[in-house]
Protein backbone atom coordinates (compact mmCIF):
# COMPACT_ATOMS: atom_id res chain seq x y z
CA MET A 1 98.91 89.53 -38.02
CA GLY A 2 101.96 91.19 -39.57
CA ASP A 3 105.44 91.60 -38.12
CA ARG A 4 104.74 95.10 -36.82
CA GLN A 5 101.53 94.01 -35.09
CA GLU A 6 103.40 91.10 -33.50
CA GLU A 7 106.13 93.40 -32.25
CA LEU A 8 103.45 95.80 -30.99
CA LEU A 9 101.72 93.01 -29.06
CA LYS A 10 105.07 91.88 -27.61
CA ILE A 11 105.83 95.38 -26.33
CA ILE A 12 102.31 95.83 -24.92
CA VAL A 13 102.53 92.53 -23.03
CA GLU A 14 106.04 93.08 -21.68
CA THR A 15 105.35 96.71 -20.72
CA TYR A 16 102.15 95.79 -18.92
CA ILE A 17 103.91 92.97 -17.06
CA LYS A 18 106.41 95.50 -15.71
CA THR A 19 104.16 98.47 -15.04
CA PHE A 20 100.61 97.13 -14.51
CA LYS A 21 99.46 100.25 -16.39
CA PRO A 22 97.30 100.29 -19.54
CA ILE A 23 99.26 101.09 -22.70
CA SER A 24 98.31 104.12 -24.80
CA SER A 25 99.07 104.55 -28.49
CA LYS A 26 100.89 107.79 -27.69
CA SER A 27 103.45 105.95 -25.55
CA LEU A 28 104.33 103.66 -28.48
CA VAL A 29 104.86 106.23 -31.25
CA ASP A 30 108.55 106.86 -30.55
CA ILE A 31 109.32 103.14 -30.25
CA PHE A 32 107.99 102.37 -33.74
CA ASN A 33 108.92 105.68 -35.34
CA CYS A 34 105.56 106.03 -37.03
CA SER A 35 102.43 108.14 -36.64
CA SER A 36 99.98 107.88 -33.78
CA ALA A 37 97.27 107.03 -36.32
CA THR A 38 99.24 103.99 -37.52
CA ILE A 39 99.68 102.74 -33.96
CA ARG A 40 95.99 103.32 -33.23
CA ASN A 41 95.03 101.33 -36.32
CA ASP A 42 97.36 98.47 -35.34
CA MET A 43 95.99 98.46 -31.80
CA ALA A 44 92.45 98.45 -33.16
CA LEU A 45 93.37 95.38 -35.24
CA LEU A 46 94.86 93.63 -32.21
CA GLU A 47 91.70 94.45 -30.26
CA ASP A 48 89.46 93.13 -33.04
CA LEU A 49 91.51 89.92 -33.06
CA GLY A 50 91.03 89.62 -29.29
CA TYR A 51 94.70 90.01 -28.28
CA ILE A 52 94.26 93.22 -26.31
CA GLU A 53 91.29 94.76 -24.54
CA LYS A 54 90.15 98.06 -23.07
CA GLU A 55 90.90 98.63 -19.40
CA HIS A 56 87.76 99.78 -17.58
CA THR A 57 89.21 102.89 -15.94
CA SER A 58 91.55 104.06 -18.70
CA SER A 59 91.66 104.77 -22.41
CA GLY A 60 94.71 102.50 -22.73
CA ARG A 61 94.75 98.82 -23.62
CA ILE A 62 95.93 95.73 -21.74
CA PRO A 63 96.74 92.19 -22.92
CA SER A 64 93.83 89.76 -22.98
CA GLU A 65 94.11 86.13 -22.01
CA LYS A 66 94.35 85.30 -25.71
CA GLY A 67 97.10 87.90 -26.06
CA TYR A 68 99.16 86.37 -23.27
CA LYS A 69 98.77 82.93 -24.85
CA TYR A 70 99.91 84.20 -28.26
CA TYR A 71 102.85 85.93 -26.61
CA THR A 72 104.01 82.85 -24.70
CA SER A 73 103.58 80.57 -27.72
CA ASN A 74 105.05 82.77 -30.44
CA LEU A 75 106.85 85.89 -29.19
CA MET A 76 108.50 85.12 -25.86
CA LYS A 77 112.25 84.53 -25.78
CA PRO A 78 113.91 82.57 -22.94
CA LYS A 79 115.50 84.84 -20.36
CA GLU A 80 119.12 84.18 -19.42
CA LEU A 81 119.61 83.55 -15.71
CA THR A 82 121.93 85.82 -13.79
CA GLY A 83 125.13 84.32 -12.41
CA GLU A 84 123.84 85.01 -8.91
CA ASP A 85 120.64 83.05 -9.50
CA VAL A 86 122.52 80.12 -11.02
CA LEU A 87 124.95 80.06 -8.09
CA LYS A 88 122.11 80.03 -5.54
CA LEU A 89 120.49 77.01 -7.20
CA GLN A 90 123.73 75.14 -7.91
CA THR A 91 124.83 75.53 -4.29
CA ILE A 92 121.76 73.58 -3.21
CA LEU A 93 121.82 71.07 -6.06
CA SER A 94 125.48 70.20 -5.51
CA ASN A 95 125.01 69.58 -1.78
CA ASN A 96 125.42 65.81 -1.46
CA ASN A 97 124.10 65.88 2.10
CA LEU A 98 120.60 66.70 0.84
CA VAL A 99 118.20 64.06 -0.41
CA VAL A 100 116.58 64.88 -3.75
CA SER A 101 113.21 65.89 -2.28
CA ASP A 102 114.83 68.36 0.13
CA ALA A 103 117.05 69.84 -2.60
CA ILE A 104 114.00 70.37 -4.83
CA THR A 105 112.06 72.02 -2.01
CA LYS A 106 114.94 74.37 -1.18
CA CYS A 107 115.40 75.27 -4.87
CA MET A 108 111.70 76.07 -5.20
CA GLU A 109 112.04 78.32 -2.15
CA ILE A 110 114.86 80.16 -3.96
CA ILE A 111 112.80 80.42 -7.17
CA SER A 112 109.91 81.85 -5.13
CA ASP A 113 112.28 84.43 -3.64
CA ILE A 114 113.75 85.31 -7.05
CA THR A 115 110.38 85.73 -8.78
CA HIS A 116 108.24 86.73 -5.81
CA TYR A 117 105.60 84.29 -6.99
CA THR A 118 104.14 81.33 -5.12
CA SER A 119 105.83 77.98 -5.74
CA VAL A 120 104.46 74.54 -5.00
CA VAL A 121 105.90 71.04 -5.12
CA ILE A 122 103.32 68.27 -5.35
CA GLY A 123 104.92 64.94 -4.50
CA PRO A 124 103.47 61.45 -4.70
CA THR A 125 100.81 60.90 -2.05
CA LYS A 126 101.75 58.76 0.93
CA ALA A 127 98.19 57.56 1.41
CA ASN A 128 98.77 54.22 -0.31
CA ASN A 129 102.32 53.65 0.92
CA THR A 130 103.28 50.83 3.26
CA LEU A 131 106.33 50.38 5.46
CA LYS A 132 109.25 48.66 3.77
CA GLN A 133 112.05 49.48 6.20
CA ILE A 134 113.04 51.72 9.10
CA SER A 135 116.77 52.19 9.71
CA ILE A 136 118.76 53.92 12.44
CA ILE A 137 122.06 55.53 11.47
CA PRO A 138 124.27 56.74 14.39
CA LEU A 139 126.01 60.08 13.85
CA ASP A 140 128.23 62.13 16.14
CA GLU A 141 127.92 63.09 19.79
CA ASP A 142 127.04 66.53 21.16
CA GLU A 143 130.18 67.53 23.07
CA THR A 144 128.25 69.87 25.37
CA THR A 145 125.35 67.64 26.47
CA GLY A 146 126.70 64.20 25.68
CA ASP A 147 123.55 63.48 23.67
CA ARG A 148 123.98 61.61 20.41
CA ARG A 149 122.53 62.34 17.02
CA VAL A 150 120.97 59.70 14.85
CA VAL A 151 119.13 59.65 11.55
CA ALA A 152 115.94 57.64 11.31
CA VAL A 153 115.38 56.63 7.67
CA LEU A 154 112.02 55.34 6.48
CA ILE A 155 111.53 53.63 3.12
CA THR A 156 108.11 52.81 1.69
CA ASN A 157 107.03 50.14 -0.78
CA LYS A 158 106.75 52.84 -3.47
CA GLY A 159 110.31 54.03 -2.98
CA ILE A 160 109.59 57.18 -0.97
CA VAL A 161 112.49 57.87 1.38
CA GLU A 162 112.09 60.13 4.42
CA ASN A 163 114.74 60.92 7.01
CA LYS A 164 114.64 62.59 10.40
CA HIS A 165 117.63 63.86 12.38
CA VAL A 166 117.10 63.35 16.13
CA ASN A 167 119.10 64.02 19.28
CA ILE A 168 118.76 61.11 21.71
CA SER A 169 119.64 61.00 25.39
CA LYS A 170 123.01 59.53 26.31
CA ASN A 171 121.03 57.19 28.56
CA ILE A 172 119.49 55.38 25.58
CA ASN A 173 121.48 52.36 24.46
CA MET A 174 122.21 52.60 20.73
CA GLY A 175 122.22 48.84 20.35
CA GLU A 176 118.74 48.61 21.83
CA LEU A 177 117.52 51.36 19.54
CA ILE A 178 118.80 49.43 16.52
CA LYS A 179 117.40 46.16 17.92
CA THR A 180 113.97 47.79 18.18
CA SER A 181 114.17 48.99 14.55
CA GLU A 182 114.91 45.40 13.48
CA LEU A 183 111.91 44.18 15.46
CA ILE A 184 109.70 46.78 13.78
CA ASN A 185 110.96 45.72 10.35
CA LYS A 186 110.08 42.08 11.04
CA ALA A 187 106.67 42.73 12.56
CA LEU A 188 105.32 45.74 10.68
CA ILE A 189 106.63 45.42 7.13
CA GLY A 190 103.72 45.93 4.70
CA THR A 191 101.71 47.99 7.19
CA PRO A 192 100.06 51.13 5.75
CA LEU A 193 101.91 54.18 7.06
CA ASP A 194 98.81 55.60 8.70
CA LYS A 195 98.39 52.36 10.69
CA VAL A 196 101.99 52.02 11.89
CA ALA A 197 101.57 54.19 15.01
CA GLU A 198 98.63 52.10 16.20
CA ARG A 199 100.44 48.78 15.72
CA LEU A 200 103.57 50.24 17.27
CA GLU A 201 101.68 50.86 20.51
CA LEU A 202 99.66 47.63 20.55
CA GLU A 203 102.30 45.15 19.33
CA ILE A 204 105.81 46.58 19.53
CA LYS A 205 105.63 48.41 22.85
CA PRO A 206 104.69 45.27 24.88
CA CYS A 207 107.52 43.34 23.18
CA ILE A 208 110.29 45.86 23.83
CA LYS A 209 109.11 46.23 27.43
CA GLU A 210 110.42 42.71 27.99
CA ILE A 211 113.73 42.98 26.15
CA VAL A 212 115.13 46.54 26.44
CA ASP A 213 115.84 49.00 29.21
CA ARG A 214 114.22 52.46 29.10
CA TYR A 215 111.61 51.03 26.75
CA GLU A 216 109.33 54.06 27.19
CA GLU A 217 111.95 56.41 25.77
CA ILE A 218 112.70 54.08 22.87
CA TYR A 219 108.99 53.64 22.14
CA ASN A 220 108.49 57.42 22.23
CA PHE A 221 111.41 57.87 19.85
CA PHE A 222 109.84 55.62 17.19
CA SER A 223 106.31 56.87 17.85
CA THR A 224 107.39 60.47 17.29
CA ALA A 225 109.44 59.53 14.21
CA PHE A 226 106.54 57.70 12.54
CA ASN A 227 104.11 60.49 13.37
CA ASP A 228 106.52 62.98 11.78
CA PHE A 229 106.92 60.78 8.72
CA THR A 230 103.19 60.42 8.14
CA MET A 231 102.37 64.05 8.91
CA LYS A 232 105.53 65.57 7.44
CA LYS A 233 104.66 68.58 5.38
CA SER A 234 102.10 66.53 3.42
CA ASP A 235 102.70 65.83 -0.24
CA ILE A 236 102.05 69.51 -1.07
CA ILE A 237 104.86 71.91 -0.17
CA PHE A 238 104.40 75.65 -0.71
CA SER A 239 107.04 78.36 -0.74
CA GLY A 240 106.06 82.02 -0.69
CA LYS A 241 102.45 80.93 -0.25
CA THR A 242 101.18 84.49 0.22
CA ASN A 243 103.53 86.13 -2.30
CA ILE A 244 100.79 86.30 -4.92
CA LEU A 245 98.71 88.47 -2.57
CA ASP A 246 101.35 91.21 -2.81
CA PHE A 247 100.37 91.96 -6.42
CA LYS A 248 97.92 94.79 -7.03
CA GLU A 249 95.49 92.44 -8.75
CA TYR A 250 94.69 91.00 -5.34
CA SER A 251 94.38 94.19 -3.31
CA GLU A 252 90.61 93.92 -2.79
CA PRO A 253 89.57 92.11 0.43
CA ASP A 254 87.20 89.73 -1.38
CA LYS A 255 89.93 88.67 -3.82
CA ILE A 256 92.43 88.16 -0.99
CA LYS A 257 89.93 86.02 0.91
CA ASP A 258 89.10 83.98 -2.21
CA MET A 259 92.76 83.36 -3.08
CA ILE A 260 93.67 82.33 0.47
CA SER A 261 90.74 79.91 0.45
CA LYS A 262 91.92 78.37 -2.82
CA LEU A 263 95.52 77.99 -1.65
CA GLU A 264 94.23 76.17 1.44
CA ASP A 265 92.01 73.84 -0.61
CA VAL A 266 94.10 70.65 -0.84
CA GLU A 267 91.93 69.01 -3.49
CA LEU A 268 92.00 72.14 -5.67
CA VAL A 269 95.78 72.47 -5.33
CA LYS A 270 96.24 68.80 -6.23
CA ARG A 271 94.52 69.49 -9.54
CA ILE A 272 97.65 71.44 -10.48
CA GLU A 273 99.47 68.10 -10.67
CA THR A 274 100.77 67.15 -14.12
CA ASN A 275 102.46 64.22 -15.87
CA GLU A 276 103.67 66.38 -18.77
CA ASP A 277 107.46 66.46 -19.09
CA GLU A 278 107.55 69.85 -20.82
CA VAL A 279 107.36 73.12 -18.93
CA ASN A 280 103.84 74.26 -19.80
CA ILE A 281 102.01 77.54 -19.22
CA TYR A 282 98.35 77.70 -18.21
CA ILE A 283 96.69 81.11 -18.18
CA GLY A 284 93.43 82.19 -16.59
CA GLU A 285 90.49 79.84 -17.01
CA GLU A 286 92.64 76.98 -18.31
CA THR A 287 94.45 76.76 -14.96
CA GLU A 288 91.26 75.30 -13.45
CA PHE A 289 92.43 77.07 -10.30
CA ASP A 290 91.56 80.75 -10.61
CA PRO A 291 90.66 82.90 -13.66
CA ASP A 292 93.11 85.63 -12.66
CA VAL A 293 96.30 83.56 -12.30
CA THR A 294 98.91 81.88 -14.44
CA ILE A 295 100.38 78.51 -13.50
CA VAL A 296 103.65 77.34 -15.03
CA LYS A 297 104.31 73.68 -14.27
CA THR A 298 106.18 70.53 -15.19
CA HIS A 299 106.60 66.95 -14.06
CA TYR A 300 109.92 65.76 -12.64
CA SER A 301 111.27 62.27 -12.08
CA VAL A 302 114.53 61.39 -10.32
CA GLY A 303 114.95 57.75 -9.33
CA ASN A 304 112.06 57.00 -7.01
CA ASP A 305 111.24 60.69 -6.55
CA GLU A 306 108.66 62.21 -8.84
CA GLY A 307 106.07 64.93 -8.72
CA THR A 308 105.06 68.34 -10.03
CA LEU A 309 106.92 71.65 -9.88
CA ALA A 310 104.64 74.67 -10.29
CA ILE A 311 104.78 78.45 -10.04
CA ILE A 312 101.58 80.41 -9.40
CA GLY A 313 101.47 84.11 -10.23
CA PRO A 314 99.33 86.81 -11.82
CA LYS A 315 98.50 86.68 -15.53
CA ARG A 316 101.08 89.44 -16.03
CA MET A 317 103.81 87.04 -14.97
CA GLU A 318 107.42 87.31 -16.11
CA TYR A 319 106.90 84.21 -18.23
CA ASP A 320 110.37 84.16 -19.76
CA LYS A 321 112.06 84.19 -16.36
CA VAL A 322 109.82 81.55 -14.76
CA VAL A 323 110.06 79.14 -17.70
CA THR A 324 113.86 79.46 -17.74
CA LEU A 325 114.11 78.83 -13.98
CA LEU A 326 111.89 75.73 -14.07
CA ASN A 327 113.70 74.36 -17.11
CA PHE A 328 117.04 74.88 -15.37
CA LEU A 329 115.91 73.10 -12.21
CA LYS A 330 114.23 70.22 -14.05
CA LYS A 331 117.22 69.56 -16.33
CA TYR A 332 119.72 69.80 -13.48
CA ILE A 333 117.95 67.36 -11.18
CA GLU A 334 117.12 64.87 -13.93
CA LYS A 335 120.50 64.74 -15.63
């Protein structure tokens, strides 16, 4: 493929991404300042090579899967982020009150809003995690109700840290709350997270009944906290989950139903997970998710937090923008 054919393919891909309309040779004549016959010959060559294909309802041509792959590997240039987009992400990333996992989730929400694609964070599964420590951190008091705020912090043997902000009644003794957390740490350390609630009721509740006042309220506090920790969000967190359905490619009822089913399939979504440190692009069949989507994804690792960042969109995705956004986020959180 010569330089002109490469430039022609680049324009066809980028125009189709923007317009979702097949590209005719006539529309390209003025851009290349050459005859329609020359453009037709070049397009015929690109079609013979498998980089573009005929659209069923039009005489124009659209990029093929092979064409998108050639474009992303050889022709695409990184897109510079706008100052507004950078500011949105940096505002979250510089917030020291957010734990890493929450900052990542909020940034992926912003990226989903910016691109209008579906984003997903796949974190390490909690299935094999055991309790290492539960801590209670007192915060301030609600001046209106007199209730106090605390943070319950759970740490697992694999370094996953979860926290939950809770308002507690002014009638609950803070010292007894902390005493109960210490009892839990002594008795339940090493317990699988999905078994903690059961042991809490059978072993801890009878103990605290003898040593603390208002033991029911304190038991309910920890029971609710552990249930939230084990059920929290799951290790798959979507943002803009239905955004992809807004694209014309998915306007048919059967396609909408199929895509919704796939997004709800936990095992299928988990196959998006990657250990590759580069931002990689998977198009169509190679996504192993759906033949009509693109998935751009990368692995991240920050201290004890690690997982996969992924963007799901149509094959006519703004690749340059998505790759730049994921690279920005990955580099910022890992530096």
